[in-house]
N, C-alpha and C. Protein backbone atom coordinates (compact mmCIF):
# COMPACT_ATOMS: atom_id res chain seq x y z
N MET A 1 171.25 21.29 81.88
CA MET A 1 172.37 21.75 81.08
C MET A 1 173.53 22.16 81.97
N GLY A 2 173.24 22.53 83.20
CA GLY A 2 174.29 22.92 84.14
C GLY A 2 175.21 21.76 84.45
N ASN A 3 174.63 20.55 84.62
CA ASN A 3 175.46 19.38 84.89
C ASN A 3 176.38 19.05 83.72
N ARG A 4 175.87 19.23 82.52
CA ARG A 4 176.65 18.94 81.33
C ARG A 4 177.84 19.91 81.22
N ALA A 5 177.60 21.17 81.51
CA ALA A 5 178.68 22.17 81.46
C ALA A 5 179.71 21.90 82.54
N THR A 6 179.24 21.54 83.72
CA THR A 6 180.16 21.22 84.82
C THR A 6 181.01 20.01 84.47
N ARG A 7 180.38 18.99 83.91
CA ARG A 7 181.11 17.79 83.51
C ARG A 7 182.16 18.12 82.45
N GLY A 8 181.81 18.96 81.51
CA GLY A 8 182.76 19.37 80.47
C GLY A 8 183.94 20.13 81.06
N LEU A 9 183.65 21.00 82.02
CA LEU A 9 184.72 21.75 82.68
C LEU A 9 185.65 20.82 83.46
N VAL A 10 185.08 19.86 84.17
CA VAL A 10 185.88 18.90 84.93
C VAL A 10 186.77 18.09 83.99
N VAL A 11 186.23 17.64 82.87
CA VAL A 11 187.00 16.87 81.90
C VAL A 11 188.14 17.73 81.33
N ALA A 12 187.86 18.99 81.03
CA ALA A 12 188.89 19.88 80.49
C ALA A 12 190.00 20.12 81.50
N VAL A 13 189.65 20.36 82.75
CA VAL A 13 190.65 20.59 83.80
C VAL A 13 191.48 19.32 84.01
N ALA A 14 190.83 18.17 84.03
CA ALA A 14 191.55 16.90 84.21
C ALA A 14 192.52 16.67 83.06
N ALA A 15 192.10 16.99 81.84
CA ALA A 15 192.99 16.84 80.68
C ALA A 15 194.20 17.75 80.79
N LEU A 16 193.99 18.98 81.24
CA LEU A 16 195.11 19.91 81.41
C LEU A 16 196.08 19.43 82.49
N VAL A 17 195.55 18.92 83.58
CA VAL A 17 196.40 18.40 84.66
C VAL A 17 197.22 17.22 84.14
N LEU A 18 196.59 16.29 83.43
CA LEU A 18 197.31 15.15 82.88
C LEU A 18 198.38 15.59 81.89
N LEU A 19 198.08 16.58 81.08
CA LEU A 19 199.05 17.10 80.13
C LEU A 19 200.25 17.71 80.86
N ALA A 20 199.99 18.47 81.91
CA ALA A 20 201.07 19.09 82.69
C ALA A 20 201.93 18.03 83.37
N VAL A 21 201.31 17.03 83.95
CA VAL A 21 202.06 15.95 84.61
C VAL A 21 202.88 15.19 83.57
N GLY A 22 202.28 14.91 82.43
CA GLY A 22 203.01 14.21 81.36
C GLY A 22 204.22 15.00 80.88
N ALA A 23 204.06 16.30 80.73
CA ALA A 23 205.18 17.15 80.32
C ALA A 23 206.28 17.15 81.38
N GLY A 24 205.89 17.17 82.64
CA GLY A 24 206.87 17.14 83.72
C GLY A 24 207.64 15.83 83.74
N VAL A 25 206.95 14.73 83.55
CA VAL A 25 207.60 13.42 83.53
C VAL A 25 208.55 13.33 82.34
N PHE A 26 208.11 13.80 81.18
CA PHE A 26 208.95 13.79 79.99
C PHE A 26 210.22 14.61 80.22
N ALA A 27 210.08 15.78 80.80
CA ALA A 27 211.24 16.65 81.05
C ALA A 27 212.19 16.00 82.06
N ALA A 28 211.64 15.35 83.07
CA ALA A 28 212.48 14.73 84.10
C ALA A 28 213.24 13.53 83.55
N LEU A 29 212.66 12.81 82.62
CA LEU A 29 213.29 11.61 82.09
C LEU A 29 214.15 11.86 80.86
N ARG A 30 214.11 13.07 80.35
CA ARG A 30 214.89 13.43 79.17
C ARG A 30 216.38 13.35 79.51
N PRO A 31 217.18 12.69 78.69
CA PRO A 31 218.60 12.62 79.00
C PRO A 31 219.27 13.98 78.86
N GLY A 32 220.26 14.21 79.70
CA GLY A 32 221.00 15.46 79.65
C GLY A 32 222.01 15.43 78.52
N PRO A 33 222.80 16.47 78.41
CA PRO A 33 223.81 16.51 77.36
C PRO A 33 224.87 15.43 77.60
N GLN A 34 225.38 14.90 76.52
CA GLN A 34 226.44 13.90 76.63
C GLN A 34 227.75 14.61 76.95
N LEU A 35 228.40 14.18 78.01
CA LEU A 35 229.66 14.77 78.43
C LEU A 35 230.80 13.83 78.05
N ALA A 36 231.87 14.40 77.54
CA ALA A 36 233.03 13.59 77.16
C ALA A 36 233.60 12.91 78.39
N ALA A 37 233.80 11.61 78.30
CA ALA A 37 234.39 10.86 79.42
C ALA A 37 235.74 11.47 79.78
N GLY A 38 235.96 11.64 81.07
CA GLY A 38 237.22 12.20 81.53
C GLY A 38 237.31 13.72 81.48
N SER A 39 236.25 14.38 81.06
CA SER A 39 236.24 15.85 81.00
C SER A 39 236.01 16.42 82.39
N PRO A 40 236.32 17.70 82.60
CA PRO A 40 236.01 18.32 83.90
C PRO A 40 234.53 18.22 84.25
N GLU A 41 233.67 18.42 83.25
CA GLU A 41 232.22 18.36 83.48
C GLU A 41 231.78 16.96 83.91
N ALA A 42 232.33 15.93 83.25
CA ALA A 42 231.98 14.55 83.61
C ALA A 42 232.51 14.20 85.01
N THR A 43 233.66 14.74 85.37
CA THR A 43 234.21 14.51 86.71
C THR A 43 233.27 15.06 87.77
N VAL A 44 232.77 16.28 87.55
CA VAL A 44 231.83 16.89 88.50
C VAL A 44 230.54 16.09 88.55
N ARG A 45 230.02 15.71 87.39
CA ARG A 45 228.78 14.91 87.35
C ARG A 45 228.95 13.62 88.14
N ASP A 46 230.07 12.92 87.94
CA ASP A 46 230.30 11.65 88.62
C ASP A 46 230.43 11.85 90.13
N TYR A 47 231.09 12.92 90.55
CA TYR A 47 231.25 13.24 91.97
C TYR A 47 229.88 13.47 92.63
N VAL A 48 229.08 14.33 92.01
CA VAL A 48 227.76 14.65 92.57
C VAL A 48 226.87 13.41 92.58
N ALA A 49 226.88 12.65 91.49
CA ALA A 49 226.05 11.45 91.42
C ALA A 49 226.42 10.47 92.53
N ALA A 50 227.72 10.29 92.77
CA ALA A 50 228.15 9.37 93.83
C ALA A 50 227.69 9.84 95.20
N LEU A 51 227.73 11.15 95.44
CA LEU A 51 227.26 11.66 96.73
C LEU A 51 225.77 11.40 96.92
N TYR A 52 224.97 11.63 95.87
CA TYR A 52 223.53 11.38 95.97
C TYR A 52 223.21 9.90 96.08
N GLU A 53 224.12 9.04 95.64
CA GLU A 53 223.93 7.60 95.76
C GLU A 53 224.52 7.07 97.07
N HIS A 54 224.95 8.00 97.95
CA HIS A 54 225.53 7.65 99.26
C HIS A 54 226.73 6.72 99.10
N ASP A 55 227.60 7.08 98.14
CA ASP A 55 228.80 6.30 97.83
C ASP A 55 230.04 7.19 97.97
N PRO A 56 230.46 7.48 99.22
CA PRO A 56 231.59 8.39 99.41
C PRO A 56 232.90 7.88 98.82
N ALA A 57 233.08 6.58 98.73
CA ALA A 57 234.32 6.04 98.16
C ALA A 57 234.45 6.43 96.69
N THR A 58 233.36 6.27 95.93
CA THR A 58 233.38 6.64 94.52
C THR A 58 233.51 8.15 94.36
N ALA A 59 232.83 8.91 95.19
CA ALA A 59 232.95 10.37 95.12
C ALA A 59 234.38 10.80 95.40
N ALA A 60 235.01 10.18 96.38
CA ALA A 60 236.38 10.54 96.76
C ALA A 60 237.38 10.25 95.64
N GLU A 61 237.06 9.31 94.76
CA GLU A 61 237.94 9.03 93.63
C GLU A 61 238.06 10.22 92.69
N GLN A 62 237.10 11.14 92.75
CA GLN A 62 237.12 12.33 91.89
C GLN A 62 237.91 13.48 92.52
N LEU A 63 238.33 13.31 93.77
CA LEU A 63 239.04 14.38 94.49
C LEU A 63 240.54 14.31 94.24
N ASP A 64 241.18 15.46 94.36
CA ASP A 64 242.63 15.57 94.22
C ASP A 64 243.30 14.73 95.30
N PRO A 65 244.11 13.73 94.94
CA PRO A 65 244.76 12.91 95.96
C PRO A 65 245.76 13.70 96.81
N ASP A 66 246.21 14.84 96.31
CA ASP A 66 247.13 15.69 97.08
C ASP A 66 246.39 16.75 97.89
N GLY A 67 245.06 16.76 97.82
CA GLY A 67 244.27 17.78 98.51
C GLY A 67 243.95 17.40 99.95
N ARG A 68 243.26 18.31 100.62
CA ARG A 68 242.88 18.08 102.03
C ARG A 68 241.67 17.18 102.17
N CYS A 69 240.84 17.10 101.16
CA CYS A 69 239.60 16.32 101.26
C CYS A 69 239.84 14.88 100.83
N ASP A 70 239.21 13.97 101.55
CA ASP A 70 239.28 12.56 101.18
C ASP A 70 237.97 11.87 101.56
N GLU A 71 237.95 10.57 101.46
CA GLU A 71 236.72 9.82 101.73
C GLU A 71 236.19 10.06 103.13
N ASP A 72 237.06 10.21 104.11
CA ASP A 72 236.61 10.46 105.49
C ASP A 72 235.76 11.73 105.58
N ASP A 73 236.11 12.75 104.80
CA ASP A 73 235.35 14.00 104.82
C ASP A 73 233.97 13.83 104.21
N LEU A 74 233.82 12.84 103.35
CA LEU A 74 232.54 12.62 102.67
C LEU A 74 231.66 11.61 103.40
N GLN A 75 232.20 10.91 104.37
CA GLN A 75 231.43 9.87 105.08
C GLN A 75 230.18 10.43 105.74
N GLY A 76 230.26 11.62 106.31
CA GLY A 76 229.12 12.18 107.03
C GLY A 76 228.13 12.93 106.15
N VAL A 77 228.42 13.01 104.85
CA VAL A 77 227.52 13.74 103.95
C VAL A 77 226.29 12.89 103.69
N PHE A 78 225.13 13.45 103.99
CA PHE A 78 223.88 12.77 103.67
C PHE A 78 223.01 13.73 102.90
N LEU A 79 222.72 13.38 101.67
CA LEU A 79 221.88 14.21 100.82
C LEU A 79 220.56 13.50 100.63
N ASP A 80 219.50 14.18 100.95
CA ASP A 80 218.16 13.62 100.87
C ASP A 80 217.61 13.83 99.46
N GLY A 81 217.18 12.76 98.86
CA GLY A 81 216.56 12.87 97.54
C GLY A 81 217.58 12.87 96.42
N ARG A 82 217.16 13.34 95.28
CA ARG A 82 217.98 13.38 94.07
C ARG A 82 218.03 14.81 93.57
N ALA A 83 219.03 15.10 92.81
CA ALA A 83 219.14 16.41 92.18
C ALA A 83 219.52 16.21 90.72
N ARG A 84 219.05 17.11 89.92
CA ARG A 84 219.46 17.16 88.52
C ARG A 84 220.62 18.15 88.47
N VAL A 85 221.70 17.79 87.82
CA VAL A 85 222.86 18.67 87.71
C VAL A 85 222.77 19.40 86.38
N VAL A 86 222.67 20.73 86.46
CA VAL A 86 222.57 21.55 85.25
C VAL A 86 223.87 22.32 85.09
N LEU A 87 224.56 22.07 84.01
CA LEU A 87 225.81 22.77 83.73
C LEU A 87 225.52 24.21 83.35
N ARG A 88 226.09 25.15 84.11
CA ARG A 88 225.92 26.57 83.81
C ARG A 88 227.09 27.11 83.00
N GLU A 89 228.31 26.70 83.39
CA GLU A 89 229.49 27.23 82.71
C GLU A 89 230.67 26.31 83.00
N SER A 90 231.53 26.18 82.02
CA SER A 90 232.77 25.43 82.20
C SER A 90 233.87 26.18 81.47
N VAL A 91 234.92 26.52 82.21
CA VAL A 91 236.05 27.25 81.63
C VAL A 91 237.31 26.45 81.92
N THR A 92 238.03 26.10 80.86
CA THR A 92 239.29 25.38 81.00
C THR A 92 240.42 26.27 80.51
N GLU A 93 241.43 26.41 81.34
CA GLU A 93 242.62 27.18 80.98
C GLU A 93 243.84 26.33 81.31
N GLY A 94 244.43 25.75 80.29
CA GLY A 94 245.58 24.89 80.51
C GLY A 94 245.21 23.67 81.32
N ASP A 95 245.86 23.52 82.47
CA ASP A 95 245.62 22.35 83.33
C ASP A 95 244.66 22.62 84.47
N THR A 96 243.90 23.71 84.39
CA THR A 96 242.90 24.01 85.42
C THR A 96 241.55 24.24 84.76
N ALA A 97 240.51 24.00 85.52
CA ALA A 97 239.15 24.21 85.02
C ALA A 97 238.26 24.65 86.16
N THR A 98 237.26 25.45 85.82
CA THR A 98 236.20 25.83 86.75
C THR A 98 234.88 25.39 86.14
N VAL A 99 234.12 24.63 86.90
CA VAL A 99 232.82 24.14 86.44
C VAL A 99 231.76 24.67 87.39
N ARG A 100 230.80 25.41 86.82
CA ARG A 100 229.69 25.95 87.62
C ARG A 100 228.42 25.19 87.23
N VAL A 101 227.74 24.71 88.25
CA VAL A 101 226.51 23.95 88.02
C VAL A 101 225.40 24.47 88.93
N ASP A 102 224.19 24.12 88.59
CA ASP A 102 223.05 24.27 89.49
C ASP A 102 222.60 22.87 89.86
N LEU A 103 222.42 22.63 91.14
CA LEU A 103 221.84 21.38 91.61
C LEU A 103 220.36 21.65 91.79
N VAL A 104 219.54 21.04 90.95
CA VAL A 104 218.11 21.33 90.92
C VAL A 104 217.37 20.23 91.65
N HIS A 105 216.72 20.63 92.74
CA HIS A 105 215.94 19.70 93.56
C HIS A 105 214.47 19.95 93.27
N SER A 106 213.74 18.89 92.94
CA SER A 106 212.30 19.02 92.71
C SER A 106 211.58 19.10 94.03
N GLY A 107 210.54 19.91 94.06
CA GLY A 107 209.74 20.05 95.28
C GLY A 107 208.86 18.85 95.49
N GLY A 108 208.34 18.74 96.68
CA GLY A 108 207.46 17.62 97.01
C GLY A 108 206.04 17.88 96.55
N GLY A 109 205.18 17.00 96.90
CA GLY A 109 203.77 17.14 96.55
C GLY A 109 203.43 16.37 95.30
N PRO A 110 202.15 16.15 95.07
CA PRO A 110 201.72 15.32 93.94
C PRO A 110 201.99 15.96 92.59
N LEU A 111 202.09 17.27 92.52
CA LEU A 111 202.33 17.93 91.24
C LEU A 111 203.71 18.56 91.16
N GLY A 112 204.62 18.19 92.03
CA GLY A 112 205.99 18.67 91.94
C GLY A 112 206.31 19.78 92.90
N GLY A 113 205.46 20.76 93.05
CA GLY A 113 205.68 21.84 94.01
C GLY A 113 206.84 22.76 93.71
N GLY A 114 207.31 22.80 92.46
CA GLY A 114 208.38 23.72 92.11
C GLY A 114 209.75 23.11 92.26
N GLU A 115 210.75 23.94 92.00
CA GLU A 115 212.13 23.50 92.06
C GLU A 115 212.96 24.44 92.91
N ASN A 116 214.01 23.90 93.48
CA ASN A 116 214.97 24.69 94.24
C ASN A 116 216.32 24.51 93.57
N ARG A 117 216.96 25.63 93.20
CA ARG A 117 218.27 25.58 92.55
C ARG A 117 219.35 25.99 93.53
N GLU A 118 220.36 25.14 93.66
CA GLU A 118 221.50 25.42 94.52
C GLU A 118 222.74 25.52 93.65
N PRO A 119 223.33 26.71 93.53
CA PRO A 119 224.53 26.84 92.70
C PRO A 119 225.74 26.23 93.41
N ALA A 120 226.64 25.66 92.63
CA ALA A 120 227.89 25.11 93.17
C ALA A 120 228.99 25.32 92.14
N THR A 121 230.16 25.67 92.62
CA THR A 121 231.32 25.87 91.76
C THR A 121 232.41 24.89 92.15
N PHE A 122 232.99 24.24 91.17
CA PHE A 122 234.04 23.25 91.38
C PHE A 122 235.30 23.69 90.65
N GLU A 123 236.41 23.62 91.36
CA GLU A 123 237.72 23.90 90.77
C GLU A 123 238.40 22.56 90.53
N LEU A 124 239.00 22.41 89.37
CA LEU A 124 239.65 21.15 89.01
C LEU A 124 241.05 21.41 88.46
N ARG A 125 241.87 20.36 88.52
CA ARG A 125 243.18 20.42 87.88
C ARG A 125 243.39 19.10 87.15
N ARG A 126 244.19 19.20 86.08
CA ARG A 126 244.48 18.00 85.29
C ARG A 126 245.73 17.33 85.86
N THR A 127 245.62 16.04 86.13
CA THR A 127 246.79 15.26 86.54
C THR A 127 247.32 14.58 85.28
N ALA A 128 248.22 13.66 85.44
CA ALA A 128 248.80 12.97 84.28
C ALA A 128 247.74 12.24 83.47
N ASP A 129 246.70 11.73 84.14
CA ASP A 129 245.74 10.89 83.42
C ASP A 129 244.27 11.28 83.56
N ARG A 130 243.97 12.32 84.35
CA ARG A 130 242.55 12.64 84.54
C ARG A 130 242.39 14.01 85.20
N TRP A 131 241.13 14.46 85.27
CA TRP A 131 240.79 15.69 85.99
C TRP A 131 240.38 15.31 87.40
N VAL A 132 240.80 16.12 88.39
CA VAL A 132 240.42 15.90 89.78
C VAL A 132 239.90 17.20 90.38
N ILE A 133 238.99 17.08 91.32
CA ILE A 133 238.40 18.23 92.00
C ILE A 133 239.33 18.65 93.13
N THR A 134 239.62 19.95 93.18
CA THR A 134 240.54 20.48 94.19
C THR A 134 239.79 21.28 95.24
N GLY A 135 240.52 21.71 96.26
CA GLY A 135 239.92 22.56 97.29
C GLY A 135 239.00 21.78 98.20
N GLU A 136 238.01 22.48 98.71
CA GLU A 136 237.00 21.90 99.60
C GLU A 136 235.65 22.04 98.91
N PRO A 137 235.31 21.07 98.07
CA PRO A 137 234.13 21.21 97.21
C PRO A 137 232.82 20.98 97.94
N TRP A 138 231.75 21.45 97.31
CA TRP A 138 230.40 21.21 97.79
C TRP A 138 230.28 19.71 98.02
N PRO A 139 229.64 19.26 99.02
CA PRO A 139 229.01 19.98 100.13
C PRO A 139 229.88 19.99 101.39
N THR A 140 231.18 19.78 101.27
CA THR A 140 232.02 19.66 102.47
C THR A 140 232.37 21.01 103.09
N PHE A 141 233.09 21.84 102.37
CA PHE A 141 233.49 23.19 102.79
C PHE A 141 234.41 23.22 104.00
N SER A 142 234.79 22.10 104.58
CA SER A 142 235.73 22.10 105.71
C SER A 142 236.39 20.73 105.83
N CYS A 143 237.28 20.46 104.94
CA CYS A 143 237.95 19.16 104.94
C CYS A 143 239.10 19.13 105.93
N GLY A 144 239.36 17.95 106.45
CA GLY A 144 240.51 17.73 107.31
C GLY A 144 240.39 18.31 108.70
N GLU A 145 239.20 18.75 109.11
CA GLU A 145 239.02 19.39 110.42
C GLU A 145 239.32 18.45 111.58
N THR A 146 238.98 17.19 111.45
CA THR A 146 239.14 16.27 112.58
C THR A 146 240.36 15.37 112.43
N LYS A 147 241.15 15.60 111.38
CA LYS A 147 242.32 14.76 111.16
C LYS A 147 243.47 15.23 112.03
N GLU A 148 244.23 14.26 112.49
CA GLU A 148 245.42 14.60 113.27
C GLU A 148 246.58 14.78 112.31
N GLY A 149 247.43 15.77 112.58
CA GLY A 149 248.48 16.05 111.63
C GLY A 149 249.81 15.71 112.06
């Protein structure tokens, strides 16, 4: 009877593990909120996605053309893995906006190993036709350092 109880316990634990993994996969594949095209939030999402796809040219398209940061500043950015962008707050006042997000990185290991949240704040301004990211946004923090003036 001991073997039967052990086998039942193993089956129950295996079922719980499969359920947990299934829930994790479902949560990871669930689509995020729909963002209005051209909104400050969509601009930030597109910028971050381009950086994680190692596409500095596309990321730079989201930057203020009158700002200090450009594609050259993004060339050396290398982000390992993928992150989920979680919108924490978005405040728009006239032609300026502040978008706060968490960049959520999943841990390694066969069962996920937890998550790491990295907060990031983006300042944006509205141009004639779109929103652009201003200042020295994540992950640069020091644009134009090597440029000759």
